[in-house]
Amino acid sequence: MKNILAFAGSNSSRSVNKQLLEHAEQRFKDQKITLINLPDFDAPIFSEDLEKEFGIPESIQKLREQFDSHDAYLIASPEHNGMMPAFFKNVMDWLSRMDGSVFQKKPVMLMSASPGPRGGQTNLANMKAVFPHWGASAVFADFFVGSFHQTYDAGEKAFTNPDDEQRLLSAILDYEAHLANE
């Protein structure tokens, strides 16, 4: 059993990616999932001047402790204009200042949900390319879902299309198989 740190790369209280993350978390069978709320870890906009004057924010140091104490990551990120949100990138910038390897050679599963039809596919491709530079040992970016408000029933906490649920379960099984071989 692996300890997986799970979070959404969003600072929105109504994030569809938080909903997706909570839905996915329930589908893991043999892992311990710790779900955190990334906005709870206050991070001013990164600046070398701020870092020089005040050091790494205490909240980012506490977040790093969470990263250090887990074996793998489950991340759901929205797409903002084809990229990860500035909020998420800012947190990664601060974490990278602590030793350069944000993900410490640990595996990551990436997901994205979007109210738009493409489901954040452009951002997933971008994250899949950048995460190895941030120290991820392996990246699974094979789950996305578009038109989230039409394809997911928040009241029932279920996808309206069984194919979406099956794709998610398949991605999770692939990730769990990878984790079993770590």
N, C-alpha and C. Protein backbone atom coordinates (compact mmCIF):
# COMPACT_ATOMS: atom_id res chain seq x y z
N MET A 1 0.85 -1.17 0.00
CA MET A 1 0.00 0.00 0.00
C MET A 1 0.90 1.24 0.00
N LYS A 2 0.57 2.19 -0.87
CA LYS A 2 1.30 3.45 -0.95
C LYS A 2 0.46 4.56 -0.32
N ASN A 3 1.15 5.56 0.20
CA ASN A 3 0.50 6.76 0.71
C ASN A 3 0.52 7.80 -0.39
N ILE A 4 -0.67 8.19 -0.86
CA ILE A 4 -0.79 9.12 -1.98
C ILE A 4 -1.30 10.46 -1.48
N LEU A 5 -0.58 11.52 -1.83
CA LEU A 5 -1.01 12.87 -1.53
C LEU A 5 -1.86 13.35 -2.70
N ALA A 6 -3.08 13.78 -2.43
CA ALA A 6 -4.02 14.19 -3.47
C ALA A 6 -4.43 15.63 -3.27
N PHE A 7 -4.44 16.38 -4.38
CA PHE A 7 -4.88 17.77 -4.32
C PHE A 7 -5.27 18.27 -5.70
N ALA A 8 -6.08 19.32 -5.69
CA ALA A 8 -6.45 19.99 -6.93
C ALA A 8 -5.56 21.23 -7.08
N GLY A 9 -5.14 21.49 -8.30
CA GLY A 9 -4.31 22.66 -8.58
C GLY A 9 -5.16 23.90 -8.79
N SER A 10 -6.17 24.07 -7.98
CA SER A 10 -7.13 25.16 -8.14
C SER A 10 -7.32 25.87 -6.80
N ASN A 11 -7.55 27.17 -6.86
CA ASN A 11 -7.89 27.90 -5.64
C ASN A 11 -9.36 28.29 -5.61
N SER A 12 -10.16 27.69 -6.47
CA SER A 12 -11.60 27.96 -6.51
C SER A 12 -12.34 27.06 -5.52
N SER A 13 -13.23 27.66 -4.75
CA SER A 13 -14.02 26.87 -3.79
C SER A 13 -15.04 25.99 -4.51
N ARG A 14 -15.33 26.28 -5.77
CA ARG A 14 -16.31 25.49 -6.54
C ARG A 14 -15.63 24.71 -7.66
N SER A 15 -14.39 24.40 -7.50
CA SER A 15 -13.59 23.76 -8.53
C SER A 15 -14.17 22.41 -8.97
N VAL A 16 -14.37 22.25 -10.28
CA VAL A 16 -14.78 20.94 -10.79
C VAL A 16 -13.64 19.94 -10.65
N ASN A 17 -12.41 20.41 -10.58
CA ASN A 17 -11.29 19.50 -10.39
C ASN A 17 -11.24 18.95 -8.97
N LYS A 18 -11.68 19.73 -8.00
CA LYS A 18 -11.82 19.21 -6.63
C LYS A 18 -12.90 18.13 -6.61
N GLN A 19 -13.99 18.35 -7.33
CA GLN A 19 -15.05 17.34 -7.40
C GLN A 19 -14.52 16.05 -8.05
N LEU A 20 -13.79 16.21 -9.15
CA LEU A 20 -13.21 15.05 -9.82
C LEU A 20 -12.26 14.32 -8.89
N LEU A 21 -11.42 15.05 -8.19
CA LEU A 21 -10.46 14.46 -7.27
C LEU A 21 -11.17 13.65 -6.17
N GLU A 22 -12.20 14.22 -5.59
CA GLU A 22 -12.95 13.52 -4.54
C GLU A 22 -13.61 12.27 -5.10
N HIS A 23 -14.11 12.35 -6.32
CA HIS A 23 -14.72 11.19 -6.97
C HIS A 23 -13.68 10.10 -7.20
N ALA A 24 -12.54 10.48 -7.74
CA ALA A 24 -11.47 9.52 -8.04
C ALA A 24 -10.92 8.89 -6.76
N GLU A 25 -10.79 9.68 -5.72
CA GLU A 25 -10.24 9.18 -4.46
C GLU A 25 -11.01 7.95 -3.96
N GLN A 26 -12.31 7.97 -4.15
CA GLN A 26 -13.15 6.86 -3.67
C GLN A 26 -12.96 5.58 -4.49
N ARG A 27 -12.33 5.67 -5.65
CA ARG A 27 -12.19 4.51 -6.53
C ARG A 27 -10.88 3.76 -6.34
N PHE A 28 -9.96 4.30 -5.56
CA PHE A 28 -8.72 3.59 -5.27
C PHE A 28 -9.01 2.46 -4.29
N LYS A 29 -8.38 1.32 -4.52
CA LYS A 29 -8.66 0.16 -3.67
C LYS A 29 -7.56 -0.11 -2.65
N ASP A 30 -6.32 -0.09 -3.07
CA ASP A 30 -5.24 -0.56 -2.22
C ASP A 30 -4.26 0.53 -1.81
N GLN A 31 -4.73 1.77 -1.74
CA GLN A 31 -3.85 2.87 -1.41
C GLN A 31 -4.46 3.70 -0.29
N LYS A 32 -3.59 4.39 0.45
CA LYS A 32 -4.06 5.35 1.45
C LYS A 32 -3.95 6.73 0.82
N ILE A 33 -5.08 7.40 0.69
CA ILE A 33 -5.14 8.72 0.05
C ILE A 33 -5.28 9.79 1.13
N THR A 34 -4.43 10.80 1.07
CA THR A 34 -4.55 11.98 1.92
C THR A 34 -4.92 13.14 1.02
N LEU A 35 -6.13 13.64 1.18
CA LEU A 35 -6.63 14.74 0.37
C LEU A 35 -6.37 16.05 1.11
N ILE A 36 -5.63 16.95 0.46
CA ILE A 36 -5.38 18.26 1.06
C ILE A 36 -5.98 19.35 0.18
N ASN A 37 -6.19 20.51 0.77
CA ASN A 37 -6.70 21.67 0.06
C ASN A 37 -5.52 22.63 -0.14
N LEU A 38 -5.00 22.68 -1.35
CA LEU A 38 -3.80 23.46 -1.64
C LEU A 38 -3.91 24.93 -1.21
N PRO A 39 -5.07 25.59 -1.35
CA PRO A 39 -5.15 26.98 -0.90
C PRO A 39 -4.95 27.17 0.61
N ASP A 40 -5.00 26.08 1.38
CA ASP A 40 -4.73 26.19 2.82
C ASP A 40 -3.26 26.52 3.08
N PHE A 41 -2.41 26.34 2.08
CA PHE A 41 -0.97 26.60 2.21
C PHE A 41 -0.67 27.93 1.51
N ASP A 42 -0.77 29.00 2.27
CA ASP A 42 -0.62 30.34 1.72
C ASP A 42 0.72 30.51 1.03
N ALA A 43 0.67 31.06 -0.18
CA ALA A 43 1.89 31.27 -0.95
C ALA A 43 1.83 32.62 -1.66
N PRO A 44 2.62 33.58 -1.20
CA PRO A 44 2.66 34.84 -1.93
C PRO A 44 3.23 34.60 -3.33
N ILE A 45 2.98 35.53 -4.24
CA ILE A 45 3.55 35.39 -5.58
C ILE A 45 5.06 35.29 -5.45
N PHE A 46 5.62 34.24 -6.05
CA PHE A 46 7.04 33.98 -5.91
C PHE A 46 7.88 35.15 -6.42
N SER A 47 8.91 35.48 -5.66
CA SER A 47 9.87 36.51 -6.03
C SER A 47 11.19 36.18 -5.34
N GLU A 48 12.27 36.25 -6.09
CA GLU A 48 13.58 36.04 -5.47
C GLU A 48 13.84 37.08 -4.39
N ASP A 49 13.31 38.29 -4.58
CA ASP A 49 13.48 39.33 -3.57
C ASP A 49 12.77 38.95 -2.27
N LEU A 50 11.53 38.45 -2.39
CA LEU A 50 10.80 37.99 -1.19
C LEU A 50 11.55 36.84 -0.51
N GLU A 51 12.00 35.91 -1.31
CA GLU A 51 12.72 34.76 -0.75
C GLU A 51 13.98 35.22 -0.02
N LYS A 52 14.72 36.14 -0.61
CA LYS A 52 15.95 36.63 0.01
C LYS A 52 15.66 37.35 1.32
N GLU A 53 14.59 38.15 1.33
CA GLU A 53 14.28 38.93 2.53
C GLU A 53 13.61 38.12 3.63
N PHE A 54 12.68 37.20 3.24
CA PHE A 54 11.89 36.51 4.26
C PHE A 54 12.09 35.00 4.30
N GLY A 55 12.76 34.44 3.29
CA GLY A 55 12.93 32.99 3.23
C GLY A 55 11.70 32.31 2.66
N ILE A 56 11.69 30.99 2.72
CA ILE A 56 10.56 30.18 2.25
C ILE A 56 9.41 30.35 3.24
N PRO A 57 8.20 30.67 2.77
CA PRO A 57 7.06 30.82 3.70
C PRO A 57 6.85 29.54 4.53
N GLU A 58 6.49 29.74 5.78
CA GLU A 58 6.26 28.61 6.69
C GLU A 58 5.21 27.65 6.14
N SER A 59 4.17 28.21 5.51
CA SER A 59 3.12 27.35 4.97
C SER A 59 3.66 26.45 3.85
N ILE A 60 4.59 26.95 3.06
CA ILE A 60 5.20 26.14 2.00
C ILE A 60 6.11 25.09 2.62
N GLN A 61 6.78 25.41 3.69
CA GLN A 61 7.60 24.41 4.39
C GLN A 61 6.71 23.28 4.93
N LYS A 62 5.54 23.64 5.43
CA LYS A 62 4.60 22.61 5.92
C LYS A 62 4.07 21.77 4.76
N LEU A 63 3.82 22.41 3.62
CA LEU A 63 3.39 21.65 2.45
C LEU A 63 4.49 20.69 2.02
N ARG A 64 5.72 21.14 2.06
CA ARG A 64 6.85 20.27 1.68
C ARG A 64 6.91 19.04 2.60
N GLU A 65 6.61 19.22 3.87
CA GLU A 65 6.56 18.08 4.79
C GLU A 65 5.52 17.07 4.32
N GLN A 66 4.38 17.56 3.82
CA GLN A 66 3.35 16.66 3.27
C GLN A 66 3.91 15.91 2.05
N PHE A 67 4.59 16.63 1.17
CA PHE A 67 5.18 15.99 -0.01
C PHE A 67 6.21 14.93 0.41
N ASP A 68 7.03 15.25 1.40
CA ASP A 68 8.07 14.33 1.85
C ASP A 68 7.50 13.06 2.46
N SER A 69 6.34 13.15 3.10
CA SER A 69 5.80 12.01 3.84
C SER A 69 4.88 11.11 3.00
N HIS A 70 4.81 11.34 1.71
CA HIS A 70 3.96 10.52 0.84
C HIS A 70 4.79 9.87 -0.27
N ASP A 71 4.25 8.77 -0.80
CA ASP A 71 4.96 7.96 -1.80
C ASP A 71 4.62 8.33 -3.24
N ALA A 72 3.49 9.01 -3.44
CA ALA A 72 3.00 9.27 -4.79
C ALA A 72 2.00 10.42 -4.72
N TYR A 73 1.55 10.86 -5.91
CA TYR A 73 0.66 12.02 -5.98
C TYR A 73 -0.49 11.77 -6.94
N LEU A 74 -1.65 12.33 -6.58
CA LEU A 74 -2.84 12.34 -7.43
C LEU A 74 -3.25 13.80 -7.54
N ILE A 75 -3.17 14.35 -8.76
CA ILE A 75 -3.40 15.78 -8.95
C ILE A 75 -4.43 15.99 -10.05
N ALA A 76 -5.42 16.83 -9.74
CA ALA A 76 -6.41 17.25 -10.74
C ALA A 76 -6.23 18.75 -10.93
N SER A 77 -5.98 19.15 -12.15
CA SER A 77 -5.71 20.57 -12.41
C SER A 77 -6.61 21.12 -13.50
N PRO A 78 -7.14 22.31 -13.27
CA PRO A 78 -7.87 22.98 -14.35
C PRO A 78 -6.89 23.50 -15.39
N GLU A 79 -7.45 23.96 -16.47
CA GLU A 79 -6.68 24.59 -17.54
C GLU A 79 -7.09 26.05 -17.63
N HIS A 80 -6.11 26.93 -17.58
CA HIS A 80 -6.35 28.36 -17.77
C HIS A 80 -5.61 28.79 -19.02
N ASN A 81 -6.35 29.05 -20.08
CA ASN A 81 -5.74 29.49 -21.34
C ASN A 81 -4.65 28.53 -21.81
N GLY A 82 -4.92 27.24 -21.71
CA GLY A 82 -4.00 26.22 -22.21
C GLY A 82 -2.90 25.84 -21.24
N MET A 83 -2.86 26.44 -20.09
CA MET A 83 -1.77 26.19 -19.13
C MET A 83 -2.35 25.88 -17.75
N MET A 84 -1.45 25.46 -16.84
CA MET A 84 -1.87 25.27 -15.46
C MET A 84 -2.17 26.64 -14.85
N PRO A 85 -3.05 26.70 -13.87
CA PRO A 85 -3.38 27.98 -13.25
C PRO A 85 -2.14 28.63 -12.62
N ALA A 86 -2.11 29.95 -12.64
CA ALA A 86 -1.00 30.69 -12.03
C ALA A 86 -0.86 30.33 -10.56
N PHE A 87 -1.99 30.11 -9.88
CA PHE A 87 -1.96 29.70 -8.47
C PHE A 87 -1.13 28.43 -8.29
N PHE A 88 -1.41 27.42 -9.10
CA PHE A 88 -0.72 26.12 -9.00
C PHE A 88 0.76 26.28 -9.35
N LYS A 89 1.06 26.97 -10.42
CA LYS A 89 2.45 27.19 -10.83
C LYS A 89 3.22 27.92 -9.75
N ASN A 90 2.59 28.88 -9.09
CA ASN A 90 3.24 29.63 -8.02
C ASN A 90 3.63 28.72 -6.85
N VAL A 91 2.73 27.83 -6.47
CA VAL A 91 3.04 26.88 -5.39
C VAL A 91 4.21 25.98 -5.80
N MET A 92 4.20 25.52 -7.05
CA MET A 92 5.31 24.68 -7.53
C MET A 92 6.63 25.47 -7.54
N ASP A 93 6.56 26.76 -7.90
CA ASP A 93 7.77 27.59 -7.89
C ASP A 93 8.37 27.65 -6.49
N TRP A 94 7.53 27.88 -5.49
CA TRP A 94 8.04 27.93 -4.11
C TRP A 94 8.61 26.58 -3.69
N LEU A 95 7.89 25.49 -3.97
CA LEU A 95 8.38 24.17 -3.58
C LEU A 95 9.71 23.84 -4.25
N SER A 96 9.88 24.28 -5.48
CA SER A 96 11.12 23.97 -6.20
C SER A 96 12.32 24.67 -5.60
N ARG A 97 12.11 25.71 -4.82
CA ARG A 97 13.22 26.44 -4.22
C ARG A 97 13.81 25.72 -3.02
N MET A 98 13.15 24.65 -2.57
CA MET A 98 13.62 23.98 -1.35
C MET A 98 14.72 22.97 -1.65
N ASP A 99 14.67 22.30 -2.78
CA ASP A 99 15.79 21.45 -3.20
C ASP A 99 15.75 21.16 -4.70
N GLY A 100 14.84 21.79 -5.39
CA GLY A 100 14.76 21.65 -6.84
C GLY A 100 13.88 20.52 -7.33
N SER A 101 13.74 19.46 -6.55
CA SER A 101 12.94 18.31 -6.97
C SER A 101 11.61 18.31 -6.24
N VAL A 102 10.63 18.93 -6.84
CA VAL A 102 9.32 19.04 -6.19
C VAL A 102 8.75 17.66 -5.88
N PHE A 103 8.79 16.74 -6.85
CA PHE A 103 8.14 15.44 -6.70
C PHE A 103 9.08 14.31 -6.29
N GLN A 104 10.35 14.61 -6.10
CA GLN A 104 11.31 13.69 -5.46
C GLN A 104 11.34 12.29 -6.05
N LYS A 105 11.26 12.20 -7.37
CA LYS A 105 11.33 10.91 -8.09
C LYS A 105 10.19 9.97 -7.71
N LYS A 106 9.04 10.55 -7.43
CA LYS A 106 7.85 9.77 -7.08
C LYS A 106 6.85 9.85 -8.23
N PRO A 107 5.98 8.83 -8.38
CA PRO A 107 5.00 8.82 -9.48
C PRO A 107 3.82 9.75 -9.25
N VAL A 108 3.31 10.26 -10.36
CA VAL A 108 2.20 11.22 -10.34
C VAL A 108 1.12 10.74 -11.30
N MET A 109 -0.13 10.84 -10.87
CA MET A 109 -1.26 10.66 -11.77
C MET A 109 -1.92 12.02 -11.94
N LEU A 110 -2.06 12.45 -13.18
CA LEU A 110 -2.66 13.73 -13.49
C LEU A 110 -4.06 13.54 -14.06
N MET A 111 -4.95 14.45 -13.68
CA MET A 111 -6.31 14.44 -14.20
C MET A 111 -6.73 15.88 -14.47
N SER A 112 -7.76 16.04 -15.27
CA SER A 112 -8.30 17.37 -15.50
C SER A 112 -9.78 17.27 -15.85
N ALA A 113 -10.53 18.21 -15.31
CA ALA A 113 -11.94 18.36 -15.66
C ALA A 113 -12.14 19.81 -16.09
N SER A 114 -13.08 20.00 -16.99
CA SER A 114 -13.33 21.34 -17.51
C SER A 114 -14.80 21.49 -17.88
N PRO A 115 -15.34 22.68 -17.69
CA PRO A 115 -16.69 22.92 -18.20
C PRO A 115 -16.71 22.93 -19.73
N GLY A 116 -15.56 23.18 -20.35
CA GLY A 116 -15.46 23.17 -21.80
C GLY A 116 -15.33 21.75 -22.33
N PRO A 117 -15.48 21.57 -23.64
CA PRO A 117 -15.53 20.22 -24.22
C PRO A 117 -14.21 19.46 -24.23
N ARG A 118 -13.06 20.13 -24.18
CA ARG A 118 -11.77 19.42 -24.31
C ARG A 118 -11.23 18.88 -22.99
N GLY A 119 -11.78 19.28 -21.87
CA GLY A 119 -11.41 18.69 -20.60
C GLY A 119 -10.00 18.99 -20.12
N GLY A 120 -9.42 20.08 -20.58
CA GLY A 120 -8.08 20.43 -20.11
C GLY A 120 -6.95 19.66 -20.77
N GLN A 121 -7.21 19.10 -21.94
CA GLN A 121 -6.19 18.26 -22.60
C GLN A 121 -4.90 19.01 -22.91
N THR A 122 -4.98 20.28 -23.26
CA THR A 122 -3.77 21.03 -23.57
C THR A 122 -2.90 21.18 -22.33
N ASN A 123 -3.52 21.53 -21.21
CA ASN A 123 -2.76 21.65 -19.97
C ASN A 123 -2.19 20.29 -19.53
N LEU A 124 -2.95 19.22 -19.67
CA LEU A 124 -2.42 17.91 -19.31
C LEU A 124 -1.15 17.60 -20.10
N ALA A 125 -1.16 17.89 -21.39
CA ALA A 125 0.02 17.66 -22.21
C ALA A 125 1.19 18.51 -21.72
N ASN A 126 0.91 19.77 -21.39
CA ASN A 126 1.97 20.64 -20.87
C ASN A 126 2.51 20.13 -19.53
N MET A 127 1.61 19.73 -18.64
CA MET A 127 2.06 19.22 -17.34
C MET A 127 2.84 17.92 -17.49
N LYS A 128 2.38 17.08 -18.38
CA LYS A 128 3.08 15.82 -18.61
C LYS A 128 4.52 16.08 -19.05
N ALA A 129 4.73 17.14 -19.81
CA ALA A 129 6.08 17.49 -20.26
C ALA A 129 6.92 18.11 -19.15
N VAL A 130 6.32 18.93 -18.29
CA VAL A 130 7.10 19.66 -17.29
C VAL A 130 7.32 18.87 -15.99
N PHE A 131 6.42 17.98 -15.63
CA PHE A 131 6.54 17.30 -14.34
C PHE A 131 7.84 16.50 -14.20
N PRO A 132 8.36 15.84 -15.22
CA PRO A 132 9.66 15.18 -15.05
C PRO A 132 10.78 16.18 -14.69
N HIS A 133 10.68 17.40 -15.18
CA HIS A 133 11.67 18.43 -14.82
C HIS A 133 11.53 18.82 -13.35
N TRP A 134 10.34 18.63 -12.81
CA TRP A 134 10.10 18.90 -11.39
C TRP A 134 10.31 17.66 -10.53
N GLY A 135 10.85 16.60 -11.12
CA GLY A 135 11.23 15.44 -10.34
C GLY A 135 10.25 14.29 -10.28
N ALA A 136 9.20 14.28 -11.08
CA ALA A 136 8.27 13.14 -11.09
C ALA A 136 8.96 11.95 -11.77
N SER A 137 8.86 10.78 -11.18
CA SER A 137 9.49 9.60 -11.78
C SER A 137 8.70 9.09 -12.97
N ALA A 138 7.39 9.20 -12.89
CA ALA A 138 6.51 8.77 -13.97
C ALA A 138 5.26 9.62 -13.88
N VAL A 139 4.66 9.91 -15.04
CA VAL A 139 3.47 10.74 -15.08
C VAL A 139 2.38 10.00 -15.85
N PHE A 140 1.20 9.92 -15.24
CA PHE A 140 0.05 9.33 -15.88
C PHE A 140 -0.95 10.47 -16.10
N ALA A 141 -1.08 10.90 -17.34
CA ALA A 141 -1.95 12.04 -17.65
C ALA A 141 -3.09 11.58 -18.53
N ASP A 142 -3.60 10.40 -18.25
CA ASP A 142 -4.54 9.82 -19.18
C ASP A 142 -6.00 9.88 -18.73
N PHE A 143 -6.32 10.81 -17.83
CA PHE A 143 -7.74 10.99 -17.57
C PHE A 143 -8.10 12.46 -17.63
N PHE A 144 -9.08 12.74 -18.46
CA PHE A 144 -9.65 14.07 -18.56
C PHE A 144 -11.12 13.90 -18.87
N VAL A 145 -11.89 14.90 -18.50
CA VAL A 145 -13.31 14.88 -18.82
C VAL A 145 -13.76 16.31 -19.10
N GLY A 146 -14.38 16.48 -20.26
CA GLY A 146 -14.89 17.79 -20.65
C GLY A 146 -16.38 17.92 -20.39
N SER A 147 -16.88 19.11 -20.59
CA SER A 147 -18.30 19.42 -20.36
C SER A 147 -18.75 18.87 -19.01
N PHE A 148 -17.95 19.14 -17.98
CA PHE A 148 -18.12 18.51 -16.68
C PHE A 148 -19.52 18.67 -16.10
N HIS A 149 -20.12 19.83 -16.26
CA HIS A 149 -21.45 20.06 -15.67
C HIS A 149 -22.53 19.21 -16.35
N GLN A 150 -22.27 18.77 -17.57
CA GLN A 150 -23.21 17.89 -18.26
C GLN A 150 -22.83 16.41 -18.07
N THR A 151 -21.56 16.12 -17.83
CA THR A 151 -21.11 14.72 -17.77
C THR A 151 -20.98 14.19 -16.35
N TYR A 152 -21.15 15.07 -15.35
CA TYR A 152 -21.03 14.63 -13.96
C TYR A 152 -22.20 15.19 -13.17
N ASP A 153 -22.89 14.31 -12.47
CA ASP A 153 -24.02 14.69 -11.62
C ASP A 153 -23.48 14.88 -10.20
N ALA A 154 -23.32 16.13 -9.80
CA ALA A 154 -22.73 16.43 -8.49
C ALA A 154 -23.60 15.91 -7.34
N GLY A 155 -24.90 15.95 -7.50
CA GLY A 155 -25.80 15.45 -6.46
C GLY A 155 -25.65 13.94 -6.25
N GLU A 156 -25.57 13.22 -7.34
CA GLU A 156 -25.42 11.76 -7.29
C GLU A 156 -23.96 11.34 -7.14
N LYS A 157 -23.05 12.30 -7.36
CA LYS A 157 -21.61 12.03 -7.33
C LYS A 157 -21.28 10.88 -8.28
N ALA A 158 -21.73 11.05 -9.53
CA ALA A 158 -21.55 10.00 -10.54
C ALA A 158 -21.49 10.62 -11.93
N PHE A 159 -20.73 9.98 -12.80
CA PHE A 159 -20.71 10.38 -14.20
C PHE A 159 -22.03 9.96 -14.85
N THR A 160 -22.51 10.79 -15.75
CA THR A 160 -23.74 10.47 -16.45
C THR A 160 -23.48 9.49 -17.59
N ASN A 161 -22.26 9.42 -18.05
CA ASN A 161 -21.87 8.49 -19.11
C ASN A 161 -20.99 7.40 -18.50
N PRO A 162 -21.42 6.15 -18.54
CA PRO A 162 -20.62 5.06 -17.96
C PRO A 162 -19.23 4.94 -18.58
N ASP A 163 -19.07 5.40 -19.82
CA ASP A 163 -17.74 5.34 -20.45
C ASP A 163 -16.73 6.22 -19.71
N ASP A 164 -17.17 7.36 -19.19
CA ASP A 164 -16.28 8.23 -18.43
C ASP A 164 -15.83 7.54 -17.14
N GLU A 165 -16.77 6.90 -16.47
CA GLU A 165 -16.41 6.17 -15.24
C GLU A 165 -15.44 5.04 -15.56
N GLN A 166 -15.66 4.34 -16.66
CA GLN A 166 -14.78 3.24 -17.04
C GLN A 166 -13.37 3.74 -17.38
N ARG A 167 -13.29 4.88 -18.08
CA ARG A 167 -11.98 5.45 -18.40
C ARG A 167 -11.23 5.85 -17.13
N LEU A 168 -11.95 6.41 -16.15
CA LEU A 168 -11.33 6.78 -14.89
C LEU A 168 -10.83 5.54 -14.15
N LEU A 169 -11.69 4.52 -14.06
CA LEU A 169 -11.29 3.28 -13.38
C LEU A 169 -10.09 2.63 -14.05
N SER A 170 -10.05 2.67 -15.36
CA SER A 170 -8.92 2.12 -16.10
C SER A 170 -7.63 2.87 -15.78
N ALA A 171 -7.71 4.20 -15.73
CA ALA A 171 -6.53 5.01 -15.40
C ALA A 171 -6.05 4.72 -13.98
N ILE A 172 -7.00 4.59 -13.06
CA ILE A 172 -6.64 4.29 -11.67
C ILE A 172 -6.00 2.91 -11.56
N LEU A 173 -6.56 1.93 -12.24
CA LEU A 173 -5.97 0.58 -12.21
C LEU A 173 -4.56 0.59 -12.79
N ASP A 174 -4.35 1.33 -13.87
CA ASP A 174 -3.00 1.44 -14.43
C ASP A 174 -2.04 2.06 -13.42
N TYR A 175 -2.49 3.10 -12.75
CA TYR A 175 -1.66 3.78 -11.76
C TYR A 175 -1.36 2.86 -10.58
N GLU A 176 -2.37 2.16 -10.10
CA GLU A 176 -2.16 1.24 -8.98
C GLU A 176 -1.20 0.12 -9.38
N ALA A 177 -1.29 -0.35 -10.60
CA ALA A 177 -0.35 -1.39 -11.07
C ALA A 177 1.06 -0.84 -11.09
N HIS A 178 1.21 0.38 -11.53
CA HIS A 178 2.54 1.02 -11.53
C HIS A 178 3.06 1.16 -10.09
N LEU A 179 2.19 1.59 -9.19
CA LEU A 179 2.60 1.76 -7.79
C LEU A 179 3.01 0.43 -7.16
N ALA A 180 2.34 -0.64 -7.53
CA ALA A 180 2.67 -1.96 -6.98
C ALA A 180 4.07 -2.41 -7.40
N ASN A 181 4.55 -1.88 -8.53
CA ASN A 181 5.87 -2.26 -9.01
C ASN A 181 6.96 -1.28 -8.59
N GLU A 182 6.61 -0.26 -7.84
CA GLU A 182 7.59 0.73 -7.37
C GLU A 182 8.43 0.16 -6.26
